[in-house]
């Protein structure tokens, strides 16, 4: 860490991020992650300052495309085979816990 005072992220923000990630951090780890995240954010600031006039946006650095197989119609498995290893079933359907 340089002699400059950073102050981009607060300890509370690091704790919030850790909570979202479901990660338990000790006090030293919180300070370490705060410093590391601040350095990452500083690099983003540097990128924001670049003149990207005329640069086409990209979603991937390599010219790639998805390769899909032909969609061939074929007979489905019988429901009893599909449900053979289901932990819970009801008739011809998977049974799952209610959501919400």
N, C-alpha and C. Protein backbone atom coordinates (compact mmCIF):
# COMPACT_ATOMS: atom_id res chain seq x y z
N UNK A 1 0.84 -1.18 0.00
CA UNK A 1 0.00 0.00 0.00
C UNK A 1 0.88 1.23 0.00
N UNK A 2 0.55 2.19 -0.83
CA UNK A 2 1.34 3.41 -0.91
C UNK A 2 1.03 4.30 0.28
N UNK A 3 1.75 5.42 0.38
CA UNK A 3 1.52 6.35 1.47
C UNK A 3 0.22 7.13 1.34
N UNK A 4 -0.42 7.05 0.14
CA UNK A 4 -1.66 7.80 -0.06
C UNK A 4 -2.79 7.16 0.75
N UNK A 5 -3.66 8.02 1.25
CA UNK A 5 -4.86 7.53 1.93
C UNK A 5 -5.89 7.19 0.87
N UNK A 6 -6.44 5.99 0.94
CA UNK A 6 -7.35 5.54 -0.10
C UNK A 6 -8.78 5.95 0.25
N UNK A 7 -9.44 5.19 1.08
CA UNK A 7 -10.77 5.56 1.52
C UNK A 7 -11.88 5.37 0.50
N UNK A 8 -11.69 4.50 -0.49
CA UNK A 8 -12.74 4.25 -1.47
C UNK A 8 -13.84 3.39 -0.86
N UNK A 9 -13.44 2.37 -0.12
CA UNK A 9 -14.39 1.45 0.51
C UNK A 9 -14.33 1.57 2.02
N UNK A 10 -15.48 1.44 2.64
CA UNK A 10 -15.51 1.44 4.10
C UNK A 10 -15.50 0.00 4.60
N UNK A 11 -15.20 -0.15 5.85
CA UNK A 11 -15.21 -1.47 6.48
C UNK A 11 -16.62 -2.06 6.39
N UNK A 12 -17.63 -1.22 6.55
CA UNK A 12 -19.02 -1.68 6.49
C UNK A 12 -19.36 -2.22 5.10
N UNK A 13 -18.83 -1.58 4.06
CA UNK A 13 -19.08 -2.06 2.70
C UNK A 13 -18.42 -3.42 2.46
N UNK A 14 -17.23 -3.59 3.00
CA UNK A 14 -16.54 -4.89 2.90
C UNK A 14 -17.35 -5.95 3.65
N UNK A 15 -17.84 -5.60 4.83
CA UNK A 15 -18.67 -6.54 5.59
C UNK A 15 -19.95 -6.89 4.83
N UNK A 16 -20.53 -5.91 4.16
CA UNK A 16 -21.73 -6.15 3.36
C UNK A 16 -21.42 -7.10 2.20
N UNK A 17 -20.32 -6.86 1.50
CA UNK A 17 -19.91 -7.74 0.40
C UNK A 17 -19.64 -9.15 0.91
N UNK A 18 -18.98 -9.25 2.05
CA UNK A 18 -18.70 -10.57 2.64
C UNK A 18 -20.00 -11.28 2.98
N UNK A 19 -20.96 -10.53 3.49
CA UNK A 19 -22.27 -11.12 3.81
C UNK A 19 -22.97 -11.62 2.56
N UNK A 20 -22.92 -10.84 1.48
CA UNK A 20 -23.53 -11.27 0.22
C UNK A 20 -22.88 -12.54 -0.31
N UNK A 21 -21.55 -12.63 -0.12
CA UNK A 21 -20.82 -13.81 -0.59
C UNK A 21 -20.88 -14.95 0.43
N UNK A 22 -21.51 -14.69 1.57
CA UNK A 22 -21.61 -15.67 2.64
C UNK A 22 -20.22 -16.16 3.08
N UNK A 23 -19.33 -15.17 3.28
CA UNK A 23 -17.96 -15.44 3.69
C UNK A 23 -17.73 -14.77 5.04
N UNK A 24 -17.22 -15.53 5.99
CA UNK A 24 -16.89 -14.96 7.29
C UNK A 24 -15.45 -14.46 7.26
N UNK A 25 -15.26 -13.18 7.59
CA UNK A 25 -13.94 -12.59 7.58
C UNK A 25 -13.57 -12.10 8.97
N UNK A 26 -12.33 -12.34 9.35
CA UNK A 26 -11.82 -11.77 10.58
C UNK A 26 -11.45 -10.32 10.35
N UNK A 27 -11.10 -9.60 11.42
CA UNK A 27 -10.78 -8.18 11.30
C UNK A 27 -9.60 -7.93 10.37
N UNK A 28 -8.54 -8.76 10.47
CA UNK A 28 -7.38 -8.58 9.59
C UNK A 28 -7.76 -8.85 8.14
N UNK A 29 -8.60 -9.85 7.92
CA UNK A 29 -9.03 -10.18 6.56
C UNK A 29 -9.88 -9.06 5.97
N UNK A 30 -10.72 -8.46 6.80
CA UNK A 30 -11.54 -7.34 6.31
C UNK A 30 -10.65 -6.21 5.82
N UNK A 31 -9.60 -5.90 6.57
CA UNK A 31 -8.67 -4.84 6.18
C UNK A 31 -7.94 -5.23 4.91
N UNK A 32 -7.47 -6.47 4.83
CA UNK A 32 -6.75 -6.95 3.65
C UNK A 32 -7.64 -6.89 2.42
N UNK A 33 -8.87 -7.39 2.52
CA UNK A 33 -9.78 -7.38 1.38
C UNK A 33 -10.16 -5.95 0.99
N UNK A 34 -10.31 -5.07 1.98
CA UNK A 34 -10.63 -3.68 1.67
C UNK A 34 -9.51 -3.07 0.83
N UNK A 35 -8.26 -3.31 1.23
CA UNK A 35 -7.12 -2.78 0.48
C UNK A 35 -7.05 -3.37 -0.92
N UNK A 36 -7.27 -4.68 -1.02
CA UNK A 36 -7.21 -5.33 -2.33
C UNK A 36 -8.34 -4.85 -3.25
N UNK A 37 -9.54 -4.74 -2.71
CA UNK A 37 -10.67 -4.27 -3.52
C UNK A 37 -10.47 -2.83 -3.95
N UNK A 38 -9.89 -2.01 -3.08
CA UNK A 38 -9.62 -0.62 -3.46
C UNK A 38 -8.62 -0.55 -4.61
N UNK A 39 -7.59 -1.41 -4.60
CA UNK A 39 -6.63 -1.43 -5.70
C UNK A 39 -7.33 -1.84 -7.00
N UNK A 40 -8.23 -2.80 -6.92
CA UNK A 40 -8.98 -3.23 -8.12
C UNK A 40 -9.82 -2.08 -8.64
N UNK A 41 -10.51 -1.38 -7.74
CA UNK A 41 -11.34 -0.24 -8.16
C UNK A 41 -10.49 0.87 -8.77
N UNK A 42 -9.27 1.05 -8.27
CA UNK A 42 -8.38 2.06 -8.85
C UNK A 42 -8.03 1.70 -10.29
N UNK A 43 -7.84 0.42 -10.57
CA UNK A 43 -7.56 0.00 -11.95
C UNK A 43 -8.76 0.29 -12.84
N UNK A 44 -9.98 0.07 -12.33
CA UNK A 44 -11.17 0.41 -13.10
C UNK A 44 -11.19 1.90 -13.42
N UNK A 45 -10.80 2.74 -12.46
CA UNK A 45 -10.74 4.18 -12.71
C UNK A 45 -9.76 4.50 -13.83
N UNK A 46 -8.63 3.78 -13.85
CA UNK A 46 -7.64 4.00 -14.90
C UNK A 46 -8.23 3.62 -16.26
N UNK A 47 -8.96 2.51 -16.32
CA UNK A 47 -9.57 2.07 -17.57
C UNK A 47 -10.63 3.08 -18.01
N UNK A 48 -11.39 3.63 -17.05
CA UNK A 48 -12.40 4.63 -17.38
C UNK A 48 -11.80 5.86 -18.06
N UNK A 49 -10.54 6.15 -17.79
CA UNK A 49 -9.90 7.34 -18.35
C UNK A 49 -9.38 7.12 -19.77
N UNK A 50 -9.39 5.89 -20.26
CA UNK A 50 -8.87 5.60 -21.60
C UNK A 50 -9.79 6.19 -22.67
N UNK A 51 -9.19 6.68 -23.74
CA UNK A 51 -9.96 7.16 -24.88
C UNK A 51 -10.25 5.97 -25.78
N UNK A 52 -11.47 5.52 -25.78
CA UNK A 52 -11.86 4.34 -26.55
C UNK A 52 -12.67 4.72 -27.78
N UNK A 53 -12.50 5.94 -28.24
CA UNK A 53 -13.20 6.39 -29.44
C UNK A 53 -12.83 5.48 -30.61
N UNK A 54 -13.83 4.95 -31.29
CA UNK A 54 -13.59 4.09 -32.44
C UNK A 54 -13.32 2.63 -32.10
N UNK A 55 -13.28 2.30 -30.83
CA UNK A 55 -13.06 0.91 -30.43
C UNK A 55 -14.42 0.24 -30.29
N UNK A 56 -14.61 -0.80 -31.06
CA UNK A 56 -15.88 -1.53 -31.03
C UNK A 56 -16.00 -2.31 -29.72
N UNK A 57 -17.18 -2.28 -29.10
CA UNK A 57 -17.37 -3.09 -27.89
C UNK A 57 -17.31 -4.57 -28.24
N UNK A 58 -16.78 -5.36 -27.33
CA UNK A 58 -16.71 -6.80 -27.55
C UNK A 58 -17.27 -7.53 -26.35
N UNK A 59 -17.81 -8.69 -26.61
CA UNK A 59 -18.25 -9.54 -25.51
C UNK A 59 -17.27 -10.66 -25.27
N UNK A 60 -16.38 -10.89 -26.26
CA UNK A 60 -15.37 -11.93 -26.15
C UNK A 60 -14.17 -11.49 -26.96
N UNK A 61 -12.98 -11.73 -26.45
CA UNK A 61 -11.79 -11.27 -27.14
C UNK A 61 -11.45 -12.11 -28.36
N UNK A 62 -11.98 -13.31 -28.43
CA UNK A 62 -11.73 -14.19 -29.57
C UNK A 62 -12.99 -14.31 -30.41
N UNK A 63 -12.82 -14.50 -31.71
CA UNK A 63 -13.95 -14.67 -32.60
C UNK A 63 -14.45 -16.10 -32.49
N UNK A 64 -15.41 -16.33 -31.60
CA UNK A 64 -15.94 -17.67 -31.40
C UNK A 64 -17.46 -17.62 -31.53
N UNK A 65 -18.01 -18.77 -31.81
CA UNK A 65 -19.46 -18.88 -31.84
C UNK A 65 -19.85 -20.22 -31.26
N UNK A 66 -21.05 -20.30 -30.75
CA UNK A 66 -21.52 -21.56 -30.18
C UNK A 66 -21.76 -22.57 -31.29
N UNK A 67 -21.42 -23.79 -31.01
CA UNK A 67 -21.66 -24.85 -31.97
C UNK A 67 -22.73 -25.75 -31.37
N UNK A 68 -23.85 -25.84 -32.07
CA UNK A 68 -24.95 -26.65 -31.59
C UNK A 68 -25.15 -27.83 -32.53
N UNK A 69 -25.56 -28.94 -31.96
CA UNK A 69 -25.87 -30.09 -32.80
C UNK A 69 -27.23 -29.88 -33.43
N UNK A 70 -27.51 -30.61 -34.46
CA UNK A 70 -28.82 -30.55 -35.09
C UNK A 70 -29.88 -31.02 -34.09
N UNK A 71 -31.00 -30.37 -34.10
CA UNK A 71 -32.10 -30.75 -33.24
C UNK A 71 -32.86 -31.88 -33.92
N UNK A 72 -32.63 -33.08 -33.42
CA UNK A 72 -33.21 -34.27 -34.04
C UNK A 72 -34.34 -34.80 -33.17
N UNK A 73 -35.48 -34.99 -33.77
CA UNK A 73 -36.63 -35.51 -33.04
C UNK A 73 -36.41 -37.00 -32.76
N UNK A 74 -36.60 -37.39 -31.51
CA UNK A 74 -36.51 -38.80 -31.16
C UNK A 74 -37.44 -39.10 -30.01
N UNK A 75 -37.68 -40.35 -29.78
CA UNK A 75 -38.62 -40.80 -28.76
C UNK A 75 -38.11 -40.44 -27.36
N UNK A 76 -38.99 -39.92 -26.52
CA UNK A 76 -38.64 -39.57 -25.15
C UNK A 76 -38.59 -40.83 -24.29
N UNK A 77 -37.93 -40.69 -23.15
CA UNK A 77 -37.91 -41.80 -22.19
C UNK A 77 -39.31 -41.98 -21.60
N UNK A 78 -39.69 -43.19 -21.26
CA UNK A 78 -40.96 -43.39 -20.59
C UNK A 78 -40.94 -42.74 -19.20
N UNK A 79 -42.07 -42.17 -18.75
CA UNK A 79 -42.11 -41.50 -17.44
C UNK A 79 -41.59 -42.36 -16.30
N UNK A 80 -41.87 -43.65 -16.31
CA UNK A 80 -41.40 -44.50 -15.20
C UNK A 80 -39.88 -44.60 -15.17
N UNK A 81 -39.21 -44.55 -16.33
CA UNK A 81 -37.75 -44.55 -16.36
C UNK A 81 -37.20 -43.22 -15.86
N UNK A 82 -37.82 -42.14 -16.27
CA UNK A 82 -37.38 -40.81 -15.86
C UNK A 82 -37.50 -40.66 -14.34
N UNK A 83 -38.58 -41.16 -13.78
CA UNK A 83 -38.85 -41.00 -12.35
C UNK A 83 -38.24 -42.10 -11.49
N UNK A 84 -37.55 -43.06 -12.09
CA UNK A 84 -37.05 -44.22 -11.35
C UNK A 84 -36.20 -43.84 -10.15
N UNK A 85 -35.35 -42.82 -10.26
CA UNK A 85 -34.46 -42.44 -9.16
C UNK A 85 -34.89 -41.16 -8.45
N UNK A 86 -36.09 -40.70 -8.71
CA UNK A 86 -36.57 -39.47 -8.07
C UNK A 86 -36.76 -39.71 -6.58
N UNK A 87 -36.27 -38.80 -5.73
CA UNK A 87 -36.47 -38.98 -4.29
C UNK A 87 -37.94 -38.90 -3.90
N UNK A 88 -38.70 -38.07 -4.60
CA UNK A 88 -40.14 -37.98 -4.35
C UNK A 88 -40.84 -37.81 -5.68
N UNK A 89 -41.96 -38.49 -5.82
CA UNK A 89 -42.74 -38.35 -7.05
C UNK A 89 -44.21 -38.43 -6.69
N UNK A 90 -45.02 -37.89 -7.56
CA UNK A 90 -46.47 -37.93 -7.38
C UNK A 90 -47.07 -38.21 -8.76
N UNK A 91 -47.54 -39.42 -8.94
CA UNK A 91 -48.05 -39.81 -10.26
C UNK A 91 -46.93 -39.81 -11.27
N UNK A 92 -47.12 -39.07 -12.35
CA UNK A 92 -46.11 -38.99 -13.40
C UNK A 92 -45.23 -37.74 -13.27
N UNK A 93 -45.15 -37.16 -12.07
CA UNK A 93 -44.43 -35.89 -11.89
C UNK A 93 -43.42 -35.99 -10.75
N UNK A 94 -42.36 -35.18 -10.84
CA UNK A 94 -41.45 -35.00 -9.72
C UNK A 94 -42.17 -34.21 -8.66
N UNK A 95 -41.96 -34.56 -7.40
CA UNK A 95 -42.54 -33.80 -6.30
C UNK A 95 -41.41 -33.03 -5.63
N UNK A 96 -41.61 -31.74 -5.49
CA UNK A 96 -40.57 -30.87 -4.90
C UNK A 96 -41.21 -30.04 -3.79
N UNK A 97 -40.40 -29.57 -2.86
CA UNK A 97 -40.93 -28.71 -1.79
C UNK A 97 -41.52 -27.43 -2.36
N UNK A 98 -42.55 -26.94 -1.69
CA UNK A 98 -43.16 -25.68 -2.09
C UNK A 98 -42.14 -24.54 -1.94
N UNK A 99 -42.14 -23.65 -2.93
CA UNK A 99 -41.24 -22.50 -2.90
C UNK A 99 -42.06 -21.25 -2.59
N UNK A 100 -41.50 -20.44 -1.67
CA UNK A 100 -42.14 -19.16 -1.39
C UNK A 100 -42.98 -19.19 -0.25
